[in-house]
């Protein structure tokens, strides 16, 4: 194999594909990045659960394939000078040259690398911006604890032209609805996709559309020369819609930007796992934290309150995760009592809110 490729293009593609490499591979070849040169250059990684493949333009003088340690290639490629990169296979080495820099990387046997899963049939597409926004709003509510795999995923329900995403870690529920372009108007699919994979896919989007594929226990995502497949989780999930449909007797509309900034400032004096206390009265909300060994902080933000005055407390990061997902100027906080969860949503206007975030309140000390 002998190729020449733009340094920045190579570094970006290598970094993107290498993100799925396991930190502790069960077999050595899974730490490798497979480079295949034909009409163009493809870079692939696979850990038996998640695969990533990027296709980039390259001048291919000799076709071929080589398996190179992925993390090392990522570190080298991003540190190279701003010149074209040449990669040539010579016996057991892949020789990488860029300007006056040269690296001889020991390769691994290509024949031992597992075959990447086939991309399942495409079932529709959605704009990259909408997809990234939805994942960014929902993913913070997914659990990082692998002991309950169901809680580490994002539930995706597709029905016709509508997609619903939801996640929960038992302390909050985040849900987002959006429209998309189904391949068939009768499309009806439900799946549990690992949240970490959807987050990585969303981060890597460079515009255009995302093609979504589902089938045989695998989900696939393709956008602008990059594709990812992932093994789906068990479909079991809570009935989250019923929990979001509560009637609320109290609601407060707050300006998102100033409310978020105030919470972040006041939270600086909150000890770990202590509450941010909110006191809603007509025309304002008082934000309080601290009072222990560190100190205390308070700040007032304007709000429009409908219903009785209420004092309620939340874990600060859980509260912020919901508020930063609000895309409207005002956020509506729906409450019932200090001991019940609260629902954060966009101020509806003429349309039904597409993002909803239910968060548990904390018992005040």
Protein backbone atom coordinates (compact mmCIF):
# COMPACT_ATOMS: atom_id res chain seq x y z
CA UNK A 1 0.00 0.00 0.00
CA UNK A 2 1.20 3.46 -0.82
CA UNK A 3 -0.90 6.59 -0.31
CA UNK A 4 -0.60 10.34 0.14
CA UNK A 5 -3.22 12.27 2.12
CA UNK A 6 -3.79 15.72 3.58
CA UNK A 7 -2.51 15.85 7.16
CA UNK A 8 -5.58 17.59 8.64
CA UNK A 9 -8.01 15.28 6.85
CA UNK A 10 -6.11 12.22 8.04
CA UNK A 11 -5.81 13.44 11.64
CA UNK A 12 -9.52 14.21 11.87
CA UNK A 13 -10.59 10.86 10.40
CA UNK A 14 -8.18 8.89 12.58
CA UNK A 15 -9.36 10.68 15.73
CA UNK A 16 -13.00 10.05 14.82
CA UNK A 17 -12.56 6.33 14.14
CA UNK A 18 -10.21 5.76 17.09
CA UNK A 19 -12.83 6.98 19.56
CA UNK A 20 -14.46 3.51 19.56
CA UNK A 21 -11.23 1.64 20.26
CA UNK A 22 -11.50 -0.30 23.54
CA UNK A 23 -9.19 0.79 26.36
CA UNK A 24 -8.65 -2.86 27.29
CA UNK A 25 -9.11 -4.93 24.12
CA UNK A 26 -9.95 -8.61 24.63
CA UNK A 27 -7.65 -9.43 21.70
CA UNK A 28 -4.74 -7.24 20.48
CA UNK A 29 -6.08 -6.68 16.96
CA UNK A 30 -9.08 -4.76 18.38
CA UNK A 31 -6.66 -1.98 19.33
CA UNK A 32 -5.87 -1.54 15.66
CA UNK A 33 -7.20 0.84 13.04
CA UNK A 34 -7.72 -0.81 9.65
CA UNK A 35 -6.63 1.34 6.68
CA UNK A 36 -7.87 0.17 3.29
CA UNK A 37 -6.74 1.97 0.12
CA UNK A 38 -8.72 1.60 -3.09
CA UNK A 39 -10.44 4.40 -4.98
CA UNK A 40 -10.17 6.30 -1.69
CA UNK A 41 -8.97 5.60 1.83
CA UNK A 42 -11.19 4.07 4.52
CA UNK A 43 -10.32 3.83 8.20
CA UNK A 44 -12.21 1.34 10.39
CA UNK A 45 -12.35 0.36 14.05
CA UNK A 46 -14.46 -2.34 15.72
CA UNK A 47 -14.82 -3.73 19.26
CA UNK A 48 -17.58 -6.30 18.52
CA UNK A 49 -20.26 -3.92 19.83
CA UNK A 50 -19.52 -0.65 18.01
CA UNK A 51 -17.92 -0.10 14.62
CA UNK A 52 -16.77 3.15 13.05
CA UNK A 53 -15.74 3.71 9.43
CA UNK A 54 -14.56 6.96 7.82
CA UNK A 55 -13.90 7.41 4.11
CA UNK A 56 -11.57 10.21 2.97
CA UNK A 57 -9.94 11.35 -0.27
CA UNK A 58 -6.38 10.21 -0.83
CA UNK A 59 -3.93 9.81 -3.70
CA UNK A 60 -3.57 6.03 -3.93
CA UNK A 61 -0.41 4.93 -5.72
CA UNK A 62 -0.72 1.30 -4.60
CA UNK A 63 -3.87 -0.31 -3.26
CA UNK A 64 -3.78 -2.44 -0.15
CA UNK A 65 -4.67 -2.62 3.53
CA UNK A 66 -2.80 -2.37 6.81
CA UNK A 67 -3.70 -2.68 10.49
CA UNK A 68 -1.97 -0.05 12.65
CA UNK A 69 -2.20 0.55 16.44
CA UNK A 70 -5.03 3.08 16.50
CA UNK A 71 -4.31 5.23 19.52
CA UNK A 72 -0.67 5.62 18.54
CA UNK A 73 -1.65 6.60 15.01
CA UNK A 74 -4.08 9.17 16.43
CA UNK A 75 -1.39 10.74 18.62
CA UNK A 76 1.14 10.83 15.78
CA UNK A 77 -1.23 12.16 13.11
CA UNK A 78 -2.38 15.11 15.19
CA UNK A 79 1.21 16.08 16.05
CA UNK A 80 2.55 16.07 12.48
CA UNK A 81 3.64 19.24 10.67
CA UNK A 82 1.18 20.87 8.25
CA UNK A 83 2.26 18.92 5.17
CA UNK A 84 0.89 15.97 3.21
CA UNK A 85 1.34 12.57 4.81
CA UNK A 86 2.64 9.53 2.94
CA UNK A 87 2.00 6.02 4.25
CA UNK A 88 3.81 3.07 2.69
CA UNK A 89 3.83 -0.55 3.85
CA UNK A 90 7.28 -2.11 3.95
CA UNK A 91 7.35 -5.67 5.30
CA UNK A 92 6.16 -5.68 8.93
CA UNK A 93 6.09 -1.86 9.09
CA UNK A 94 3.89 0.97 7.93
CA UNK A 95 6.22 3.87 7.24
CA UNK A 96 4.57 7.24 7.80
CA UNK A 97 6.38 10.28 6.41
CA UNK A 98 5.42 13.95 6.79
CA UNK A 99 7.98 16.59 5.96
CA UNK A 100 11.17 15.59 7.74
CA UNK A 101 9.31 13.42 10.27
CA UNK A 102 9.25 9.67 9.72
CA UNK A 103 7.69 6.89 11.80
CA UNK A 104 7.94 3.15 11.26
CA UNK A 105 4.91 1.57 12.92
CA UNK A 106 4.79 -2.18 13.54
CA UNK A 107 1.64 -3.54 11.93
CA UNK A 108 -0.74 -6.28 13.04
CA UNK A 109 -2.10 -9.12 10.87
CA UNK A 110 -5.00 -7.81 8.79
CA UNK A 111 -6.48 -11.30 8.44
CA UNK A 112 -7.06 -11.45 12.21
CA UNK A 113 -9.19 -8.29 12.24
CA UNK A 114 -12.91 -9.13 12.61
CA UNK A 115 -15.29 -8.41 9.75
CA UNK A 116 -17.29 -5.25 10.35
CA UNK A 117 -21.06 -5.75 10.65
CA UNK A 118 -23.12 -4.95 7.58
CA UNK A 119 -25.02 -1.69 7.72
CA UNK A 120 -28.71 -2.58 8.22
CA UNK A 121 -31.40 -1.18 5.88
CA UNK A 122 -31.89 2.59 6.08
CA UNK A 123 -35.28 3.52 7.53
CA UNK A 124 -35.10 7.31 7.19
CA UNK A 125 -33.06 10.47 7.56
CA UNK A 126 -33.01 13.64 9.66
CA UNK A 127 -31.09 16.90 9.55
CA UNK A 128 -27.80 16.72 11.41
CA UNK A 129 -28.59 19.81 13.49
CA UNK A 130 -31.92 18.42 14.69
CA UNK A 131 -30.35 15.05 15.49
CA UNK A 132 -27.44 16.56 17.41
CA UNK A 133 -29.76 18.87 19.35
CA UNK A 134 -32.09 16.03 20.35
CA UNK A 135 -29.24 13.77 21.50
CA UNK A 136 -27.65 16.64 23.42
CA UNK A 137 -30.89 17.30 25.29
CA UNK A 138 -31.69 13.69 26.16
CA UNK A 139 -28.31 12.03 26.76
CA UNK A 140 -27.46 13.77 30.09
CA UNK A 141 -30.31 11.83 31.74
CA UNK A 142 -28.85 8.44 30.74
CA UNK A 143 -27.03 6.53 33.47
CA UNK A 144 -23.28 5.87 33.39
CA UNK A 145 -23.69 2.76 35.58
CA UNK A 146 -23.40 -0.39 33.45
CA UNK A 147 -24.97 -2.60 36.14
CA UNK A 148 -28.37 -1.68 34.67
CA UNK A 149 -27.79 -1.58 30.89
CA UNK A 150 -31.35 -0.36 30.20
CA UNK A 151 -30.58 2.92 31.96
CA UNK A 152 -27.45 3.54 29.86
CA UNK A 153 -29.42 3.73 26.64
CA UNK A 154 -31.60 6.18 24.80
CA UNK A 155 -35.03 4.91 23.87
CA UNK A 156 -35.88 5.68 20.24
CA UNK A 157 -39.49 5.31 19.13
CA UNK A 158 -40.25 5.93 15.46
CA UNK A 159 -43.77 6.16 14.13
CA UNK A 160 -44.29 7.53 10.65
CA UNK A 161 -42.82 11.02 10.42
CA UNK A 162 -42.30 11.37 14.19
CA UNK A 163 -39.32 10.33 16.32
CA UNK A 164 -39.29 10.31 20.13
CA UNK A 165 -36.10 9.97 22.18
CA UNK A 166 -36.00 9.44 25.93
CA UNK A 167 -33.50 8.53 28.67
CA UNK A 168 -33.56 8.10 32.44
CA UNK A 169 -31.21 7.27 35.31
CA UNK A 170 -34.12 6.93 37.80
CA UNK A 171 -33.57 10.46 39.14
CA UNK A 172 -34.68 12.33 36.00
CA UNK A 173 -36.29 11.68 32.64
CA UNK A 174 -35.42 13.61 29.48
CA UNK A 175 -37.56 13.32 26.35
CA UNK A 176 -37.48 15.00 22.95
CA UNK A 177 -39.78 14.67 19.92
CA UNK A 178 -38.84 15.69 16.39
CA UNK A 179 -39.90 15.19 12.79
CA UNK A 180 -37.87 13.28 10.22
CA UNK A 181 -38.05 11.82 6.71
CA UNK A 182 -38.98 8.11 6.93
CA UNK A 183 -38.17 5.77 4.06
CA UNK A 184 -41.72 4.47 4.44
CA UNK A 185 -44.72 6.42 5.81
CA UNK A 186 -45.71 3.31 7.78
CA UNK A 187 -42.37 3.18 9.61
CA UNK A 188 -42.75 1.89 13.19
CA UNK A 189 -39.59 1.01 15.12
CA UNK A 190 -38.60 0.96 18.80
CA UNK A 191 -35.03 0.46 19.96
CA UNK A 192 -32.65 1.06 22.86
CA UNK A 193 -29.41 2.59 21.59
CA UNK A 194 -26.38 3.02 23.90
CA UNK A 195 -26.28 6.70 24.83
CA UNK A 196 -22.49 7.00 24.59
CA UNK A 197 -22.62 5.95 20.93
CA UNK A 198 -25.34 8.44 20.03
CA UNK A 199 -23.36 11.19 21.79
CA UNK A 200 -20.25 10.38 19.76
CA UNK A 201 -22.24 10.29 16.52
CA UNK A 202 -23.82 13.65 17.33
CA UNK A 203 -20.43 15.20 18.18
CA UNK A 204 -18.95 14.14 14.86
CA UNK A 205 -21.67 15.59 12.63
CA UNK A 206 -20.39 18.13 10.14
CA UNK A 207 -23.72 19.10 8.59
CA UNK A 208 -26.00 17.47 6.09
CA UNK A 209 -28.35 14.66 6.98
CA UNK A 210 -28.02 11.62 9.20
CA UNK A 211 -29.24 8.39 7.68
CA UNK A 212 -30.60 6.02 10.34
CA UNK A 213 -30.67 2.27 9.81
CA UNK A 214 -32.14 -0.51 11.98
CA UNK A 215 -32.28 -4.29 11.71
CA UNK A 216 -31.18 -7.59 13.27
CA UNK A 217 -30.37 -6.04 16.64
CA UNK A 218 -28.10 -3.40 15.11
CA UNK A 219 -28.51 0.34 14.56
CA UNK A 220 -26.52 2.27 11.98
CA UNK A 221 -25.86 5.98 11.44
CA UNK A 222 -24.29 7.50 8.33
CA UNK A 223 -23.37 11.12 7.59
CA UNK A 224 -20.88 12.75 5.23
CA UNK A 225 -18.56 9.79 4.64
CA UNK A 226 -18.74 8.45 8.17
CA UNK A 227 -20.71 5.47 9.41
CA UNK A 228 -21.24 3.87 12.81
CA UNK A 229 -22.98 0.65 13.76
CA UNK A 230 -23.85 -0.44 17.28
CA UNK A 231 -25.43 -3.48 18.89
CA UNK A 232 -28.77 -2.54 20.43
CA UNK A 233 -29.65 -3.00 24.10
CA UNK A 234 -32.67 -4.89 25.39
CA UNK A 235 -35.85 -3.03 24.43
CA UNK A 236 -37.23 -2.96 27.99
CA UNK A 237 -37.91 0.61 29.16
CA UNK A 238 -40.18 2.51 31.55
CA UNK A 239 -43.49 4.06 30.51
CA UNK A 240 -41.97 7.53 30.57
CA UNK A 241 -44.85 9.28 28.79
CA UNK A 242 -47.25 8.58 31.66
CA UNK A 243 -44.82 10.19 34.12
CA UNK A 244 -44.56 13.33 32.00
CA UNK A 245 -48.32 13.74 31.68
CA UNK A 246 -49.01 14.88 35.27
CA UNK A 247 -51.28 17.88 35.92
CA UNK A 248 -49.38 20.72 37.58
CA UNK A 249 -50.90 23.31 39.92
CA UNK A 250 -47.85 25.61 39.99
CA UNK A 251 -45.76 26.89 37.12
CA UNK A 252 -42.97 29.43 36.91
CA UNK A 253 -41.58 30.95 33.71
CA UNK A 254 -37.93 32.01 34.09
CA UNK A 255 -35.41 33.53 31.64
CA UNK A 256 -33.08 30.64 30.83
CA UNK A 257 -29.78 32.49 30.43
CA UNK A 258 -29.91 34.52 33.65
CA UNK A 259 -31.39 31.62 35.65
CA UNK A 260 -28.65 29.20 34.56
CA UNK A 261 -25.91 31.76 35.27
CA UNK A 262 -27.29 32.46 38.74
CA UNK A 263 -27.51 28.76 39.62
CA UNK A 264 -23.90 28.19 38.53
CA UNK A 265 -22.70 31.09 40.68
CA UNK A 266 -24.64 30.11 43.77
CA UNK A 267 -23.66 26.44 43.38
CA UNK A 268 -20.01 27.39 43.92
CA UNK A 269 -20.62 27.32 47.67
CA UNK A 270 -22.74 24.17 47.63
CA UNK A 271 -21.01 21.15 49.14
CA UNK A 272 -21.04 17.91 47.19
CA UNK A 273 -24.50 16.30 46.94
CA UNK A 274 -26.20 19.19 48.74
CA UNK A 275 -29.23 20.97 47.36
CA UNK A 276 -29.81 24.18 45.48
CA UNK A 277 -32.87 25.73 47.12
CA UNK A 278 -35.40 27.68 45.05
CA UNK A 279 -38.04 29.91 46.64
CA UNK A 280 -40.65 30.98 44.09
CA UNK A 281 -42.82 33.99 44.91
CA UNK A 282 -44.74 36.41 42.73
CA UNK A 283 -42.29 38.09 40.37
CA UNK A 284 -39.06 36.41 41.50
CA UNK A 285 -37.22 33.24 42.46
CA UNK A 286 -34.63 33.26 45.25
CA UNK A 287 -31.74 30.84 44.64
CA UNK A 288 -29.83 29.69 47.75
CA UNK A 289 -27.04 27.25 48.53
CA UNK A 290 -24.44 26.57 51.18
CA UNK A 291 -24.57 27.58 54.81
CA UNK A 292 -22.06 24.94 55.95
CA UNK A 293 -18.28 25.06 56.32
CA UNK A 294 -17.67 26.64 52.90
CA UNK A 295 -20.08 29.56 53.02
CA UNK A 296 -23.41 30.51 51.49
CA UNK A 297 -24.71 32.20 48.36
CA UNK A 298 -27.97 33.76 47.26
CA UNK A 299 -29.24 35.42 44.09
CA UNK A 300 -32.61 36.61 42.82
CA UNK A 301 -33.91 36.15 39.27
CA UNK A 302 -37.19 37.45 37.92
CA UNK A 303 -39.92 34.98 37.10
CA UNK A 304 -43.63 34.85 36.34
CA UNK A 305 -45.38 32.57 38.83
CA UNK A 306 -48.84 31.08 38.47
CA UNK A 307 -50.12 29.29 41.52
CA UNK A 308 -49.06 29.35 45.16
CA UNK A 309 -45.60 30.30 46.46
CA UNK A 310 -43.34 27.28 46.79
CA UNK A 311 -39.90 26.32 48.15
CA UNK A 312 -38.26 23.37 46.43
CA UNK A 313 -34.72 21.96 46.19
CA UNK A 314 -32.76 20.10 43.51
CA UNK A 315 -29.34 18.61 42.89
CA UNK A 316 -27.69 21.50 41.03
CA UNK A 317 -26.22 19.58 38.08
CA UNK A 318 -29.45 17.68 37.47
CA UNK A 319 -31.30 21.00 37.39
CA UNK A 320 -28.76 22.56 35.02
CA UNK A 321 -28.83 19.56 32.67
CA UNK A 322 -32.52 20.21 32.10
CA UNK A 323 -32.26 23.97 31.76
CA UNK A 324 -29.42 23.95 29.22
CA UNK A 325 -31.56 21.75 26.99
CA UNK A 326 -34.18 24.50 26.68
CA UNK A 327 -33.95 26.20 23.29
CA UNK A 328 -36.52 28.94 23.94
CA UNK A 329 -35.82 32.21 25.77
CA UNK A 330 -37.99 31.19 28.72
CA UNK A 331 -38.15 27.89 30.59
CA UNK A 332 -41.32 26.73 32.31
CA UNK A 333 -40.89 24.89 35.62
CA UNK A 334 -44.03 22.92 36.51
CA UNK A 335 -44.40 21.96 40.17
CA UNK A 336 -46.92 20.37 42.49
CA UNK A 337 -45.24 20.28 45.93
CA UNK A 338 -41.74 20.46 47.48
CA UNK A 339 -41.55 16.67 47.67
CA UNK A 340 -42.69 15.86 44.13
CA UNK A 341 -40.63 15.92 40.89
CA UNK A 342 -40.76 19.04 38.70
CA UNK A 343 -41.15 19.19 34.93
CA UNK A 344 -38.96 21.59 32.96
CA UNK A 345 -40.03 22.45 29.42
CA UNK A 346 -39.92 25.16 26.81
CA UNK A 347 -42.59 27.84 27.11
CA UNK A 348 -45.09 26.38 24.65
CA UNK A 349 -46.23 29.36 22.60
CA UNK A 350 -48.41 28.03 19.79
CA UNK A 351 -46.76 24.61 19.62
CA UNK A 352 -46.51 21.62 21.94
CA UNK A 353 -43.12 21.57 23.71
CA UNK A 354 -40.76 19.12 22.02
CA UNK A 355 -38.36 18.82 24.98
CA UNK A 356 -39.45 17.78 28.48
CA UNK A 357 -37.27 17.08 31.51
CA UNK A 358 -38.63 15.60 34.74
CA UNK A 359 -36.29 15.90 37.74
CA UNK A 360 -36.68 14.68 41.29
CA UNK A 361 -36.72 17.22 44.09
CA UNK A 362 -34.57 16.80 47.21
CA UNK A 363 -35.60 16.83 50.81
CA UNK A 364 -34.48 20.14 52.35
CA UNK A 365 -32.34 19.99 55.47
